[in-house]
Amino acid sequence: MILMKMPLLNELKQTIKNTTIAKETVKQAVYIYNNLRTHFSLDLRKPAEVH
């Protein structure tokens, strides 16, 4: 779970007014983070490969 500070959360609400688009954007970001990006803390492996 990602915890955001309130000012950032409020800024996002103002930037992305359509919650459907916001949810899809977050879904895509999480997919990229877990499946496409390598992480130094995982010895340059992807989280999906490790977990």
PDB file of N, CA and C in Angstrom:
ATOM      1  N   MET A   1       0.830  -1.170   0.000  1.00  0.00           N
ATOM      2  CA  MET A   1       0.000   0.000   0.000  1.00  0.00           C
ATOM      3  C   MET A   1       0.883   1.244   0.000  1.00  0.00           C
ATOM      4  N   ILE A   2       0.543   2.198  -0.834  1.00  0.00           N
ATOM      5  CA  ILE A   2       1.308   3.426  -0.932  1.00  0.00           C
ATOM      6  C   ILE A   2       0.571   4.510  -0.167  1.00  0.00           C
ATOM      7  N   LEU A   3       1.287   5.142   0.756  1.00  0.00           N
ATOM      8  CA  LEU A   3       0.689   6.230   1.506  1.00  0.00           C
ATOM      9  C   LEU A   3       1.188   7.542   0.923  1.00  0.00           C
ATOM     10  N   MET A   4       0.272   8.428   0.589  1.00  0.00           N
ATOM     11  CA  MET A   4       0.642   9.718   0.033  1.00  0.00           C
ATOM     12  C   MET A   4       0.318  10.818   1.028  1.00  0.00           C
ATOM     13  N   LYS A   5       1.144  11.855   1.007  1.00  0.00           N
ATOM     14  CA  LYS A   5       0.835  13.024   1.813  1.00  0.00           C
ATOM     15  C   LYS A   5      -0.402  13.696   1.222  1.00  0.00           C
ATOM     16  N   MET A   6      -1.204  14.311   2.053  1.00  0.00           N
ATOM     17  CA  MET A   6      -2.456  14.919   1.614  1.00  0.00           C
ATOM     18  C   MET A   6      -2.280  15.957   0.507  1.00  0.00           C
ATOM     19  N   PRO A   7      -1.294  16.869   0.576  1.00  0.00           N
ATOM     20  CA  PRO A   7      -1.196  17.835  -0.521  1.00  0.00           C
ATOM     21  C   PRO A   7      -1.019  17.150  -1.877  1.00  0.00           C
ATOM     22  N   LEU A   8      -0.222  16.106  -1.929  1.00  0.00           N
ATOM     23  CA  LEU A   8      -0.032  15.384  -3.185  1.00  0.00           C
ATOM     24  C   LEU A   8      -1.327  14.719  -3.610  1.00  0.00           C
ATOM     25  N   LEU A   9      -2.025  14.121  -2.677  1.00  0.00           N
ATOM     26  CA  LEU A   9      -3.297  13.470  -2.994  1.00  0.00           C
ATOM     27  C   LEU A   9      -4.297  14.498  -3.530  1.00  0.00           C
ATOM     28  N   ASN A  10      -4.365  15.651  -2.902  1.00  0.00           N
ATOM     29  CA  ASN A  10      -5.269  16.705  -3.368  1.00  0.00           C
ATOM     30  C   ASN A  10      -4.867  17.194  -4.745  1.00  0.00           C
ATOM     31  N   GLU A  11      -3.576  17.308  -4.994  1.00  0.00           N
ATOM     32  CA  GLU A  11      -3.086  17.735  -6.303  1.00  0.00           C
ATOM     33  C   GLU A  11      -3.478  16.723  -7.371  1.00  0.00           C
ATOM     34  N   LEU A  12      -3.370  15.434  -7.068  1.00  0.00           N
ATOM     35  CA  LEU A  12      -3.756  14.405  -8.029  1.00  0.00           C
ATOM     36  C   LEU A  12      -5.251  14.471  -8.332  1.00  0.00           C
ATOM     37  N   LYS A  13      -6.046  14.734  -7.327  1.00  0.00           N
ATOM     38  CA  LYS A  13      -7.486  14.843  -7.545  1.00  0.00           C
ATOM     39  C   LYS A  13      -7.795  15.978  -8.508  1.00  0.00           C
ATOM     40  N   GLN A  14      -7.038  17.037  -8.431  1.00  0.00           N
ATOM     41  CA  GLN A  14      -7.259  18.172  -9.309  1.00  0.00           C
ATOM     42  C   GLN A  14      -6.724  17.893 -10.704  1.00  0.00           C
ATOM     43  N   THR A  15      -5.666  17.118 -10.808  1.00  0.00           N
ATOM     44  CA  THR A  15      -5.044  16.841 -12.092  1.00  0.00           C
ATOM     45  C   THR A  15      -5.832  15.803 -12.889  1.00  0.00           C
ATOM     46  N   ILE A  16      -6.238  14.720 -12.244  1.00  0.00           N
ATOM     47  CA  ILE A  16      -6.978  13.647 -12.913  1.00  0.00           C
ATOM     48  C   ILE A  16      -8.382  13.618 -12.325  1.00  0.00           C
ATOM     49  N   LYS A  17      -9.311  14.232 -13.009  1.00  0.00           N
ATOM     50  CA  LYS A  17     -10.678  14.326 -12.483  1.00  0.00           C
ATOM     51  C   LYS A  17     -11.495  13.069 -12.766  1.00  0.00           C
ATOM     52  N   ASN A  18     -11.110  12.312 -13.755  1.00  0.00           N
ATOM     53  CA  ASN A  18     -11.829  11.100 -14.113  1.00  0.00           C
ATOM     54  C   ASN A  18     -11.216   9.934 -13.343  1.00  0.00           C
ATOM     55  N   THR A  19     -11.945   9.364 -12.405  1.00  0.00           N
ATOM     56  CA  THR A  19     -11.392   8.295 -11.578  1.00  0.00           C
ATOM     57  C   THR A  19     -11.093   7.034 -12.378  1.00  0.00           C
ATOM     58  N   THR A  20     -11.830   6.797 -13.438  1.00  0.00           N
ATOM     59  CA  THR A  20     -11.555   5.633 -14.277  1.00  0.00           C
ATOM     60  C   THR A  20     -10.172   5.747 -14.904  1.00  0.00           C
ATOM     61  N   ILE A  21      -9.853   6.914 -15.419  1.00  0.00           N
ATOM     62  CA  ILE A  21      -8.529   7.143 -16.021  1.00  0.00           C
ATOM     63  C   ILE A  21      -7.451   7.054 -14.942  1.00  0.00           C
ATOM     64  N   ALA A  22      -7.726   7.611 -13.779  1.00  0.00           N
ATOM     65  CA  ALA A  22      -6.755   7.566 -12.682  1.00  0.00           C
ATOM     66  C   ALA A  22      -6.464   6.129 -12.268  1.00  0.00           C
ATOM     67  N   LYS A  23      -7.499   5.323 -12.118  1.00  0.00           N
ATOM     68  CA  LYS A  23      -7.319   3.922 -11.724  1.00  0.00           C
ATOM     69  C   LYS A  23      -6.529   3.155 -12.777  1.00  0.00           C
ATOM     70  N   GLU A  24      -6.817   3.381 -14.050  1.00  0.00           N
ATOM     71  CA  GLU A  24      -6.098   2.694 -15.121  1.00  0.00           C
ATOM     72  C   GLU A  24      -4.638   3.123 -15.158  1.00  0.00           C
ATOM     73  N   THR A  25      -4.382   4.408 -14.917  1.00  0.00           N
ATOM     74  CA  THR A  25      -3.016   4.917 -14.888  1.00  0.00           C
ATOM     75  C   THR A  25      -2.224   4.267 -13.762  1.00  0.00           C
ATOM     76  N   VAL A  26      -2.830   4.156 -12.592  1.00  0.00           N
ATOM     77  CA  VAL A  26      -2.163   3.514 -11.450  1.00  0.00           C
ATOM     78  C   VAL A  26      -1.935   2.037 -11.742  1.00  0.00           C
ATOM     79  N   LYS A  27      -2.921   1.384 -12.315  1.00  0.00           N
ATOM     80  CA  LYS A  27      -2.795  -0.043 -12.654  1.00  0.00           C
ATOM     81  C   LYS A  27      -1.614  -0.267 -13.597  1.00  0.00           C
ATOM     82  N   GLN A  28      -1.482   0.602 -14.604  1.00  0.00           N
ATOM     83  CA  GLN A  28      -0.371   0.482 -15.549  1.00  0.00           C
ATOM     84  C   GLN A  28       0.970   0.748 -14.863  1.00  0.00           C
ATOM     85  N   ALA A  29       1.009   1.743 -13.981  1.00  0.00           N
ATOM     86  CA  ALA A  29       2.249   2.063 -13.270  1.00  0.00           C
ATOM     87  C   ALA A  29       2.694   0.905 -12.383  1.00  0.00           C
ATOM     88  N   VAL A  30       1.752   0.281 -11.696  1.00  0.00           N
ATOM     89  CA  VAL A  30       2.077  -0.860 -10.831  1.00  0.00           C
ATOM     90  C   VAL A  30       2.569  -2.037 -11.663  1.00  0.00           C
ATOM     91  N   TYR A  31       1.938  -2.265 -12.807  1.00  0.00           N
ATOM     92  CA  TYR A  31       2.380  -3.349 -13.689  1.00  0.00           C
ATOM     93  C   TYR A  31       3.817  -3.105 -14.152  1.00  0.00           C
ATOM     94  N   ILE A  32       4.102  -1.891 -14.579  1.00  0.00           N
ATOM     95  CA  ILE A  32       5.465  -1.554 -15.030  1.00  0.00           C
ATOM     96  C   ILE A  32       6.448  -1.755 -13.886  1.00  0.00           C
ATOM     97  N   TYR A  33       6.112  -1.265 -12.705  1.00  0.00           N
ATOM     98  CA  TYR A  33       6.991  -1.362 -11.543  1.00  0.00           C
ATOM     99  C   TYR A  33       7.280  -2.813 -11.183  1.00  0.00           C
ATOM    100  N   ASN A  34       6.280  -3.658 -11.238  1.00  0.00           N
ATOM    101  CA  ASN A  34       6.442  -5.050 -10.806  1.00  0.00           C
ATOM    102  C   ASN A  34       6.927  -6.000 -11.889  1.00  0.00           C
ATOM    103  N   ASN A  35       6.663  -5.699 -13.153  1.00  0.00           N
ATOM    104  CA  ASN A  35       6.949  -6.662 -14.213  1.00  0.00           C
ATOM    105  C   ASN A  35       7.994  -6.229 -15.232  1.00  0.00           C
ATOM    106  N   LEU A  36       8.239  -4.938 -15.357  1.00  0.00           N
ATOM    107  CA  LEU A  36       9.158  -4.474 -16.393  1.00  0.00           C
ATOM    108  C   LEU A  36      10.436  -3.841 -15.844  1.00  0.00           C
ATOM    109  N   ARG A  37      10.366  -3.235 -14.675  1.00  0.00           N
ATOM    110  CA  ARG A  37      11.519  -2.557 -14.087  1.00  0.00           C
ATOM    111  C   ARG A  37      12.358  -3.520 -13.263  1.00  0.00           C
ATOM    112  N   THR A  38      13.659  -3.408 -13.419  1.00  0.00           N
ATOM    113  CA  THR A  38      14.551  -4.149 -12.527  1.00  0.00           C
ATOM    114  C   THR A  38      14.836  -3.276 -11.309  1.00  0.00           C
ATOM    115  N   HIS A  39      15.167  -3.926 -10.187  1.00  0.00           N
ATOM    116  CA  HIS A  39      15.388  -3.216  -8.930  1.00  0.00           C
ATOM    117  C   HIS A  39      16.750  -3.624  -8.365  1.00  0.00           C
ATOM    118  N   PHE A  40      17.532  -2.620  -7.994  1.00  0.00           N
ATOM    119  CA  PHE A  40      18.838  -2.911  -7.406  1.00  0.00           C
ATOM    120  C   PHE A  40      18.705  -3.732  -6.130  1.00  0.00           C
ATOM    121  N   SER A  41      17.675  -3.458  -5.341  1.00  0.00           N
ATOM    122  CA  SER A  41      17.507  -4.180  -4.079  1.00  0.00           C
ATOM    123  C   SER A  41      17.191  -5.659  -4.303  1.00  0.00           C
ATOM    124  N   LEU A  42      16.810  -6.010  -5.521  1.00  0.00           N
ATOM    125  CA  LEU A  42      16.519  -7.407  -5.860  1.00  0.00           C
ATOM    126  C   LEU A  42      17.586  -7.973  -6.796  1.00  0.00           C
ATOM    127  N   ASP A  43      18.782  -7.418  -6.711  1.00  0.00           N
ATOM    128  CA  ASP A  43      19.894  -7.847  -7.566  1.00  0.00           C
ATOM    129  C   ASP A  43      19.521  -7.760  -9.046  1.00  0.00           C
ATOM    130  N   LEU A  44      18.940  -6.622  -9.410  1.00  0.00           N
ATOM    131  CA  LEU A  44      18.520  -6.323 -10.778  1.00  0.00           C
ATOM    132  C   LEU A  44      17.519  -7.325 -11.358  1.00  0.00           C
ATOM    133  N   ARG A  45      16.717  -7.875 -10.467  1.00  0.00           N
ATOM    134  CA  ARG A  45      15.605  -8.715 -10.909  1.00  0.00           C
ATOM    135  C   ARG A  45      14.307  -7.929 -10.780  1.00  0.00           C
ATOM    136  N   LYS A  46      13.272  -8.434 -11.374  1.00  0.00           N
ATOM    137  CA  LYS A  46      11.962  -7.800 -11.297  1.00  0.00           C
ATOM    138  C   LYS A  46      11.183  -8.416 -10.142  1.00  0.00           C
ATOM    139  N   PRO A  47      10.376  -7.616  -9.438  1.00  0.00           N
ATOM    140  CA  PRO A  47       9.597  -8.171  -8.326  1.00  0.00           C
ATOM    141  C   PRO A  47       8.771  -9.390  -8.712  1.00  0.00           C
ATOM    142  N   ALA A  48       8.223  -9.407  -9.917  1.00  0.00           N
ATOM    143  CA  ALA A  48       7.416 -10.547 -10.355  1.00  0.00           C
ATOM    144  C   ALA A  48       8.251 -11.816 -10.457  1.00  0.00           C
ATOM    145  N   GLU A  49       9.545 -11.670 -10.696  1.00  0.00           N
ATOM    146  CA  GLU A  49      10.428 -12.840 -10.770  1.00  0.00           C
ATOM    147  C   GLU A  49      10.767 -13.379  -9.385  1.00  0.00           C
ATOM    148  N   VAL A  50      10.741 -12.509  -8.406  1.00  0.00           N
ATOM    149  CA  VAL A  50      11.187 -12.870  -7.060  1.00  0.00           C
ATOM    150  C   VAL A  50      10.018 -13.361  -6.188  1.00  0.00           C
ATOM    151  N   HIS A  51       8.874 -12.772  -6.339  1.00  0.00           N
ATOM    152  CA  HIS A  51       7.731 -13.074  -5.461  1.00  0.00           C
ATOM    153  C   HIS A  51       6.751 -13.976  -6.142  1.00  0.00           C
TER     154      HIS A  51
END
